[in-house]
Amino acid sequence: MVETAISYVFQTAEGGWRIDDSRVSMDSVVHAYLEGQSPETIAEDFPTLSLEQIHGALAFYLRHREEINGYLKSQDARWEQLRTESEAVHGPLLNRFRAQRRTTSTPEATP
């Protein structure tokens, strides 16, 4: 019996990575794996993925670790840049929300 190779991940046009036949990002599965979660636990968190898909994605990650780690590092930098930009634009509003949250979460503020 000859089996054809199965692809478990693909790269999007924007450069991101997804699990094949799903909308789950490779980032999510790899981060869970790096946090020490087993494939079975990851499957519980992402019920749309089969255990085979998770193992396949992790095998792809392990084979292309340098490339995927570089991608994840660039994503972290991108999110930090977006957070900084958002803080600069929306800082005063965010500070009011944070101050309001602090005053409503103190024991003397609750009736």
Protein backbone atom coordinates (compact mmCIF):
# COMPACT_ATOMS: atom_id res chain seq x y z
CA MET A 1 0.00 0.00 0.00
CA VAL A 2 1.39 3.36 -1.02
CA GLU A 3 0.42 6.29 1.15
CA THR A 4 0.62 9.86 0.00
CA ALA A 5 2.20 12.52 2.18
CA ILE A 6 -0.27 14.50 4.20
CA SER A 7 0.19 18.21 4.84
CA TYR A 8 -0.73 19.31 8.33
CA VAL A 9 0.13 23.00 8.12
CA PHE A 10 0.20 25.69 5.47
CA GLN A 11 1.51 29.22 5.23
CA THR A 12 -1.01 31.94 4.50
CA ALA A 13 -0.51 34.63 1.88
CA GLU A 14 0.27 37.04 4.74
CA GLY A 15 3.04 34.78 6.05
CA GLY A 16 1.18 33.25 9.01
CA TRP A 17 0.91 29.53 9.67
CA ARG A 18 -2.35 27.59 10.03
CA ILE A 19 -3.29 24.00 10.74
CA ASP A 20 -4.62 22.47 7.52
CA ASP A 21 -8.40 22.17 7.21
CA SER A 22 -8.95 24.48 10.18
CA ARG A 23 -8.84 28.09 11.25
CA VAL A 24 -6.47 27.33 14.14
CA SER A 25 -3.13 29.10 14.00
CA MET A 26 0.11 27.18 14.29
CA ASP A 27 1.05 29.80 16.91
CA SER A 28 -1.66 28.55 19.26
CA VAL A 29 -0.61 24.90 19.05
CA VAL A 30 3.12 25.63 19.32
CA HIS A 31 2.69 28.00 22.28
CA ALA A 32 0.62 25.37 24.10
CA TYR A 33 3.27 22.73 23.35
CA LEU A 34 6.08 25.02 24.54
CA GLU A 35 4.11 25.65 27.76
CA GLY A 36 4.27 21.90 28.40
CA GLN A 37 0.81 20.84 27.27
CA SER A 38 0.47 17.35 25.82
CA PRO A 39 -1.12 16.83 22.40
CA GLU A 40 -4.17 15.37 24.21
CA THR A 41 -4.54 18.52 26.32
CA ILE A 42 -4.12 20.71 23.25
CA ALA A 43 -6.90 18.68 21.59
CA GLU A 44 -9.18 19.51 24.53
CA ASP A 45 -8.47 23.22 24.04
CA PHE A 46 -9.00 23.01 20.26
CA PRO A 47 -11.84 20.51 19.71
CA THR A 48 -11.94 21.25 15.97
CA LEU A 49 -8.50 19.63 15.61
CA SER A 50 -7.94 15.90 15.55
CA LEU A 51 -5.12 14.37 17.54
CA GLU A 52 -3.53 13.45 14.21
CA GLN A 53 -3.57 17.10 13.10
CA ILE A 54 -1.94 18.18 16.36
CA HIS A 55 0.77 15.53 16.17
CA GLY A 56 1.34 16.41 12.51
CA ALA A 57 1.61 20.12 13.27
CA LEU A 58 4.03 19.45 16.13
CA ALA A 59 6.13 17.19 13.90
CA PHE A 60 6.24 20.00 11.34
CA TYR A 61 7.27 22.45 14.06
CA LEU A 62 10.04 20.15 15.31
CA ARG A 63 11.37 19.68 11.77
CA HIS A 64 11.23 23.44 11.01
CA ARG A 65 11.87 24.72 14.52
CA GLU A 66 14.30 27.49 13.52
CA GLU A 67 11.95 28.91 10.90
CA ILE A 68 8.85 28.71 13.10
CA ASN A 69 10.67 30.15 16.14
CA GLY A 70 11.81 33.06 13.96
CA TYR A 71 8.23 33.59 12.84
CA LEU A 72 6.95 33.47 16.43
CA LYS A 73 9.62 35.96 17.51
CA SER A 74 8.60 38.36 14.74
CA GLN A 75 4.95 37.96 15.76
CA ASP A 76 5.82 38.81 19.37
CA ALA A 77 7.65 41.94 18.18
CA ARG A 78 4.69 42.88 15.98
CA TRP A 79 2.21 42.52 18.85
CA GLU A 80 4.46 44.56 21.14
CA GLN A 81 4.63 47.30 18.51
CA LEU A 82 0.82 47.28 18.16
CA ARG A 83 0.42 47.37 21.95
CA THR A 84 2.78 50.34 22.21
CA GLU A 85 0.99 52.19 19.41
CA SER A 86 -2.40 51.49 20.97
CA GLU A 87 -1.18 52.65 24.38
CA ALA A 88 0.09 55.89 22.82
CA VAL A 89 -3.18 56.56 21.01
CA HIS A 90 -5.62 55.32 23.66
CA GLY A 91 -3.54 55.81 26.83
CA PRO A 92 -5.77 58.39 28.53
CA LEU A 93 -8.90 56.31 27.95
CA LEU A 94 -7.18 53.12 29.12
CA ASN A 95 -5.93 54.89 32.25
CA ARG A 96 -9.49 56.02 33.09
CA PHE A 97 -10.74 52.43 32.68
CA ARG A 98 -7.93 51.10 34.84
CA ALA A 99 -8.57 53.70 37.54
CA GLN A 100 -12.30 52.90 37.49
CA ARG A 101 -11.57 49.18 37.78
CA ARG A 102 -9.31 49.77 40.78
CA THR A 103 -11.94 51.81 42.61
CA THR A 104 -14.72 49.30 41.95
CA SER A 105 -12.62 46.29 42.97
CA THR A 106 -11.62 47.61 46.42
CA PRO A 107 -13.58 46.16 49.39
CA GLU A 108 -14.85 49.54 50.57
CA ALA A 109 -16.31 50.28 47.14
CA THR A 110 -18.66 47.29 47.24
CA PRO A 111 -22.00 47.74 49.04
